[in-house]
Amino acid sequence: MKKRLKKGFTLMEMLIVVAIIAVLAAIAVPSFNASLNTAKKAADDANIRTAYMETVLHNYDSSITGDASVSGTTITFGDGTEYKLQYYTEIDQNGQWKGK
């Protein structure tokens, strides 16, 4: 009688591998989302700071081209480029940006 060679994986082995991958994904995804949110906030902070400095410099010396403007959640810089804020959603009554 010939002994049959085992080829491939059993259903139980495959289910265990899928379960392990699912657990690792459940751990990794929330931390990735938090990092992405932090990166969006940092980018928005940098662009708000740049717009503020362009406006201050333009008001100090009108020969400097700059003067950024804010409309809703869109910043229009002096050279005409626009940046839509990704983290901040509105400005409150005290002039502070409110985020997601």
N, C-alpha and C. Protein backbone atom coordinates (compact mmCIF):
# COMPACT_ATOMS: atom_id res chain seq x y z
N MET A 1 0.83 -1.18 0.00
CA MET A 1 0.00 0.00 0.00
C MET A 1 0.89 1.25 0.00
N LYS A 2 0.59 2.16 -0.92
CA LYS A 2 1.37 3.40 -1.00
C LYS A 2 0.86 4.40 0.01
N LYS A 3 1.79 5.12 0.60
CA LYS A 3 1.40 6.18 1.53
C LYS A 3 1.18 7.45 0.72
N ARG A 4 0.07 8.05 0.93
CA ARG A 4 -0.28 9.26 0.19
C ARG A 4 0.43 10.47 0.79
N LEU A 5 1.04 11.31 -0.06
CA LEU A 5 1.73 12.52 0.40
C LEU A 5 0.72 13.61 0.70
N LYS A 6 0.94 14.32 1.79
CA LYS A 6 0.06 15.42 2.18
C LYS A 6 0.42 16.64 1.34
N LYS A 7 -0.56 17.20 0.61
CA LYS A 7 -0.33 18.38 -0.20
C LYS A 7 -1.26 19.47 0.26
N GLY A 8 -0.74 20.70 0.41
CA GLY A 8 -1.57 21.85 0.78
C GLY A 8 -1.83 21.94 2.27
N PHE A 9 -2.71 22.88 2.62
CA PHE A 9 -3.05 23.14 4.02
C PHE A 9 -4.45 22.62 4.31
N THR A 10 -4.69 22.32 5.56
CA THR A 10 -6.04 21.91 5.96
C THR A 10 -6.88 23.16 6.19
N LEU A 11 -8.17 22.98 6.24
CA LEU A 11 -9.09 24.10 6.48
C LEU A 11 -8.80 24.76 7.83
N MET A 12 -8.51 23.97 8.84
CA MET A 12 -8.24 24.50 10.17
C MET A 12 -6.98 25.38 10.17
N GLU A 13 -5.95 24.95 9.48
CA GLU A 13 -4.73 25.75 9.40
C GLU A 13 -4.99 27.09 8.71
N MET A 14 -5.77 27.06 7.66
CA MET A 14 -6.10 28.30 6.95
C MET A 14 -6.93 29.24 7.83
N LEU A 15 -7.89 28.70 8.58
CA LEU A 15 -8.71 29.54 9.46
C LEU A 15 -7.87 30.18 10.56
N ILE A 16 -6.90 29.46 11.08
CA ILE A 16 -6.03 30.01 12.12
C ILE A 16 -5.20 31.16 11.55
N VAL A 17 -4.66 31.00 10.35
CA VAL A 17 -3.86 32.06 9.73
C VAL A 17 -4.72 33.29 9.48
N VAL A 18 -5.93 33.11 8.98
CA VAL A 18 -6.84 34.23 8.73
C VAL A 18 -7.19 34.94 10.03
N ALA A 19 -7.42 34.18 11.11
CA ALA A 19 -7.75 34.78 12.40
C ALA A 19 -6.57 35.60 12.94
N ILE A 20 -5.37 35.11 12.79
CA ILE A 20 -4.18 35.85 13.25
C ILE A 20 -4.03 37.15 12.46
N ILE A 21 -4.21 37.08 11.15
CA ILE A 21 -4.11 38.29 10.33
C ILE A 21 -5.19 39.30 10.72
N ALA A 22 -6.40 38.83 11.00
CA ALA A 22 -7.49 39.73 11.40
C ALA A 22 -7.18 40.43 12.72
N VAL A 23 -6.61 39.71 13.67
CA VAL A 23 -6.25 40.31 14.96
C VAL A 23 -5.16 41.36 14.77
N LEU A 24 -4.16 41.07 13.96
CA LEU A 24 -3.10 42.05 13.71
C LEU A 24 -3.64 43.29 13.00
N ALA A 25 -4.56 43.10 12.07
CA ALA A 25 -5.15 44.25 11.37
C ALA A 25 -5.99 45.08 12.34
N ALA A 26 -6.70 44.43 13.24
CA ALA A 26 -7.53 45.16 14.22
C ALA A 26 -6.66 45.99 15.16
N ILE A 27 -5.44 45.56 15.39
CA ILE A 27 -4.53 46.33 16.24
C ILE A 27 -3.91 47.48 15.45
N ALA A 28 -3.55 47.25 14.19
CA ALA A 28 -2.80 48.23 13.41
C ALA A 28 -3.65 49.38 12.87
N VAL A 29 -4.87 49.11 12.46
CA VAL A 29 -5.69 50.13 11.78
C VAL A 29 -5.99 51.34 12.67
N PRO A 30 -6.41 51.18 13.92
CA PRO A 30 -6.68 52.39 14.73
C PRO A 30 -5.44 53.27 14.95
N SER A 31 -4.29 52.66 15.14
CA SER A 31 -3.09 53.47 15.34
C SER A 31 -2.70 54.18 14.05
N PHE A 32 -2.94 53.56 12.90
CA PHE A 32 -2.68 54.22 11.62
C PHE A 32 -3.60 55.41 11.44
N ASN A 33 -4.88 55.26 11.78
CA ASN A 33 -5.82 56.37 11.66
C ASN A 33 -5.44 57.54 12.56
N ALA A 34 -4.99 57.24 13.77
CA ALA A 34 -4.57 58.30 14.69
C ALA A 34 -3.36 59.04 14.13
N SER A 35 -2.42 58.30 13.55
CA SER A 35 -1.24 58.93 12.96
C SER A 35 -1.61 59.80 11.77
N LEU A 36 -2.55 59.33 10.97
CA LEU A 36 -2.99 60.10 9.80
C LEU A 36 -3.66 61.40 10.25
N ASN A 37 -4.48 61.33 11.29
CA ASN A 37 -5.15 62.52 11.81
C ASN A 37 -4.13 63.52 12.36
N THR A 38 -3.12 63.04 13.04
CA THR A 38 -2.07 63.91 13.57
C THR A 38 -1.30 64.58 12.43
N ALA A 39 -1.04 63.85 11.36
CA ALA A 39 -0.33 64.42 10.21
C ALA A 39 -1.16 65.50 9.52
N LYS A 40 -2.47 65.27 9.40
CA LYS A 40 -3.35 66.27 8.79
C LYS A 40 -3.37 67.54 9.63
N LYS A 41 -3.42 67.38 10.97
CA LYS A 41 -3.43 68.54 11.85
C LYS A 41 -2.12 69.32 11.73
N ALA A 42 -0.99 68.62 11.65
CA ALA A 42 0.30 69.28 11.53
C ALA A 42 0.40 70.06 10.21
N ALA A 43 -0.10 69.47 9.12
CA ALA A 43 -0.07 70.16 7.83
C ALA A 43 -0.93 71.42 7.87
N ASP A 44 -2.12 71.30 8.47
CA ASP A 44 -3.00 72.46 8.57
C ASP A 44 -2.39 73.55 9.45
N ASP A 45 -1.77 73.16 10.56
CA ASP A 45 -1.13 74.14 11.44
C ASP A 45 -0.03 74.90 10.70
N ALA A 46 0.76 74.18 9.92
CA ALA A 46 1.84 74.82 9.17
C ALA A 46 1.28 75.80 8.13
N ASN A 47 0.22 75.42 7.44
CA ASN A 47 -0.35 76.30 6.42
C ASN A 47 -1.04 77.51 7.04
N ILE A 48 -1.68 77.34 8.19
CA ILE A 48 -2.30 78.48 8.88
C ILE A 48 -1.22 79.45 9.33
N ARG A 49 -0.12 78.91 9.86
CA ARG A 49 1.00 79.75 10.30
C ARG A 49 1.60 80.51 9.11
N THR A 50 1.74 79.83 7.98
CA THR A 50 2.30 80.48 6.79
C THR A 50 1.38 81.59 6.31
N ALA A 51 0.07 81.33 6.28
CA ALA A 51 -0.89 82.35 5.85
C ALA A 51 -0.86 83.55 6.79
N TYR A 52 -0.76 83.29 8.08
CA TYR A 52 -0.69 84.37 9.06
C TYR A 52 0.56 85.23 8.82
N MET A 53 1.70 84.57 8.62
CA MET A 53 2.94 85.31 8.42
C MET A 53 2.91 86.10 7.11
N GLU A 54 2.32 85.53 6.05
CA GLU A 54 2.21 86.27 4.80
C GLU A 54 1.38 87.54 5.00
N THR A 55 0.29 87.41 5.74
CA THR A 55 -0.58 88.56 5.97
C THR A 55 0.12 89.61 6.82
N VAL A 56 0.81 89.18 7.86
CA VAL A 56 1.53 90.13 8.73
C VAL A 56 2.60 90.86 7.94
N LEU A 57 3.38 90.12 7.14
CA LEU A 57 4.43 90.76 6.36
C LEU A 57 3.86 91.71 5.31
N HIS A 58 2.76 91.33 4.68
CA HIS A 58 2.14 92.19 3.68
C HIS A 58 1.63 93.48 4.33
N ASN A 59 1.02 93.37 5.51
CA ASN A 59 0.52 94.55 6.20
C ASN A 59 1.67 95.44 6.71
N TYR A 60 2.81 94.82 7.02
CA TYR A 60 3.96 95.58 7.50
C TYR A 60 4.63 96.33 6.35
N ASP A 61 4.76 95.64 5.21
CA ASP A 61 5.43 96.24 4.06
C ASP A 61 4.66 95.84 2.81
N SER A 62 3.89 96.77 2.25
CA SER A 62 3.00 96.44 1.14
C SER A 62 3.74 96.07 -0.14
N SER A 63 5.06 96.30 -0.18
CA SER A 63 5.81 95.88 -1.37
C SER A 63 6.03 94.37 -1.38
N ILE A 64 5.82 93.73 -0.21
CA ILE A 64 5.95 92.27 -0.14
C ILE A 64 4.67 91.66 -0.67
N THR A 65 4.80 90.80 -1.68
CA THR A 65 3.61 90.13 -2.20
C THR A 65 3.28 88.97 -1.27
N GLY A 66 2.09 88.92 -0.85
CA GLY A 66 1.68 87.87 0.08
C GLY A 66 0.21 87.99 0.33
N ASP A 67 -0.14 88.43 1.49
CA ASP A 67 -1.52 88.67 1.90
C ASP A 67 -2.43 87.49 1.62
N ALA A 68 -2.30 86.46 2.42
CA ALA A 68 -3.17 85.29 2.30
C ALA A 68 -4.55 85.61 2.85
N SER A 69 -5.55 84.91 2.35
CA SER A 69 -6.91 85.10 2.84
C SER A 69 -7.54 83.75 3.15
N VAL A 70 -8.47 83.77 4.09
CA VAL A 70 -9.14 82.54 4.51
C VAL A 70 -10.63 82.69 4.21
N SER A 71 -11.18 81.68 3.56
CA SER A 71 -12.61 81.64 3.28
C SER A 71 -13.12 80.27 3.67
N GLY A 72 -13.83 80.20 4.79
CA GLY A 72 -14.29 78.89 5.27
C GLY A 72 -13.10 78.06 5.71
N THR A 73 -12.90 76.95 5.05
CA THR A 73 -11.75 76.10 5.35
C THR A 73 -10.73 76.11 4.22
N THR A 74 -10.78 77.13 3.37
CA THR A 74 -9.83 77.25 2.27
C THR A 74 -8.93 78.46 2.48
N ILE A 75 -7.62 78.25 2.40
CA ILE A 75 -6.65 79.34 2.50
C ILE A 75 -6.16 79.63 1.08
N THR A 76 -6.25 80.89 0.67
CA THR A 76 -5.70 81.31 -0.62
C THR A 76 -4.46 82.14 -0.34
N PHE A 77 -3.31 81.65 -0.80
CA PHE A 77 -2.05 82.33 -0.57
C PHE A 77 -1.84 83.44 -1.60
N GLY A 78 -0.87 84.30 -1.34
CA GLY A 78 -0.62 85.46 -2.18
C GLY A 78 -0.30 85.12 -3.62
N ASP A 79 0.29 83.95 -3.86
CA ASP A 79 0.63 83.58 -5.24
C ASP A 79 -0.53 82.91 -5.97
N GLY A 80 -1.70 82.84 -5.31
CA GLY A 80 -2.89 82.28 -5.95
C GLY A 80 -3.15 80.82 -5.65
N THR A 81 -2.21 80.14 -5.02
CA THR A 81 -2.46 78.74 -4.70
C THR A 81 -3.45 78.65 -3.55
N GLU A 82 -4.25 77.60 -3.58
CA GLU A 82 -5.26 77.39 -2.54
C GLU A 82 -4.95 76.10 -1.79
N TYR A 83 -5.27 76.10 -0.52
CA TYR A 83 -5.10 74.92 0.32
C TYR A 83 -6.38 74.72 1.11
N LYS A 84 -6.98 73.54 0.99
CA LYS A 84 -8.20 73.23 1.75
C LYS A 84 -7.78 72.50 3.01
N LEU A 85 -8.18 73.05 4.15
CA LEU A 85 -7.84 72.45 5.44
C LEU A 85 -8.48 71.07 5.54
N GLN A 86 -7.70 70.10 6.02
CA GLN A 86 -8.19 68.73 6.12
C GLN A 86 -8.60 68.36 7.53
N TYR A 87 -8.00 68.98 8.52
CA TYR A 87 -8.28 68.64 9.92
C TYR A 87 -9.28 69.63 10.52
N TYR A 88 -9.02 70.90 10.33
CA TYR A 88 -9.88 71.91 10.93
C TYR A 88 -11.13 72.11 10.08
N THR A 89 -12.25 72.31 10.75
CA THR A 89 -13.52 72.41 10.05
C THR A 89 -14.13 73.80 10.09
N GLU A 90 -13.79 74.59 11.11
CA GLU A 90 -14.40 75.92 11.22
C GLU A 90 -13.62 76.77 12.21
N ILE A 91 -13.93 78.05 12.21
CA ILE A 91 -13.37 78.97 13.19
C ILE A 91 -14.48 79.31 14.18
N ASP A 92 -14.20 79.20 15.48
CA ASP A 92 -15.23 79.53 16.47
C ASP A 92 -15.33 81.05 16.67
N GLN A 93 -16.17 81.47 17.58
CA GLN A 93 -16.43 82.91 17.77
C GLN A 93 -15.23 83.66 18.34
N ASN A 94 -14.28 82.93 18.95
CA ASN A 94 -13.08 83.56 19.51
C ASN A 94 -11.94 83.60 18.49
N GLY A 95 -12.20 83.16 17.26
CA GLY A 95 -11.15 83.15 16.25
C GLY A 95 -10.24 81.95 16.32
N GLN A 96 -10.61 80.92 17.09
CA GLN A 96 -9.81 79.72 17.21
C GLN A 96 -10.31 78.67 16.22
N TRP A 97 -9.37 77.93 15.62
CA TRP A 97 -9.76 76.86 14.69
C TRP A 97 -10.29 75.68 15.48
N LYS A 98 -11.37 75.09 14.99
CA LYS A 98 -11.95 73.90 15.62
C LYS A 98 -11.73 72.72 14.70
N GLY A 99 -11.20 71.62 15.27
CA GLY A 99 -10.88 70.45 14.47
C GLY A 99 -11.91 69.36 14.59
N LYS A 100 -11.64 68.29 13.87
CA LYS A 100 -12.53 67.12 13.84
C LYS A 100 -12.40 66.34 15.14
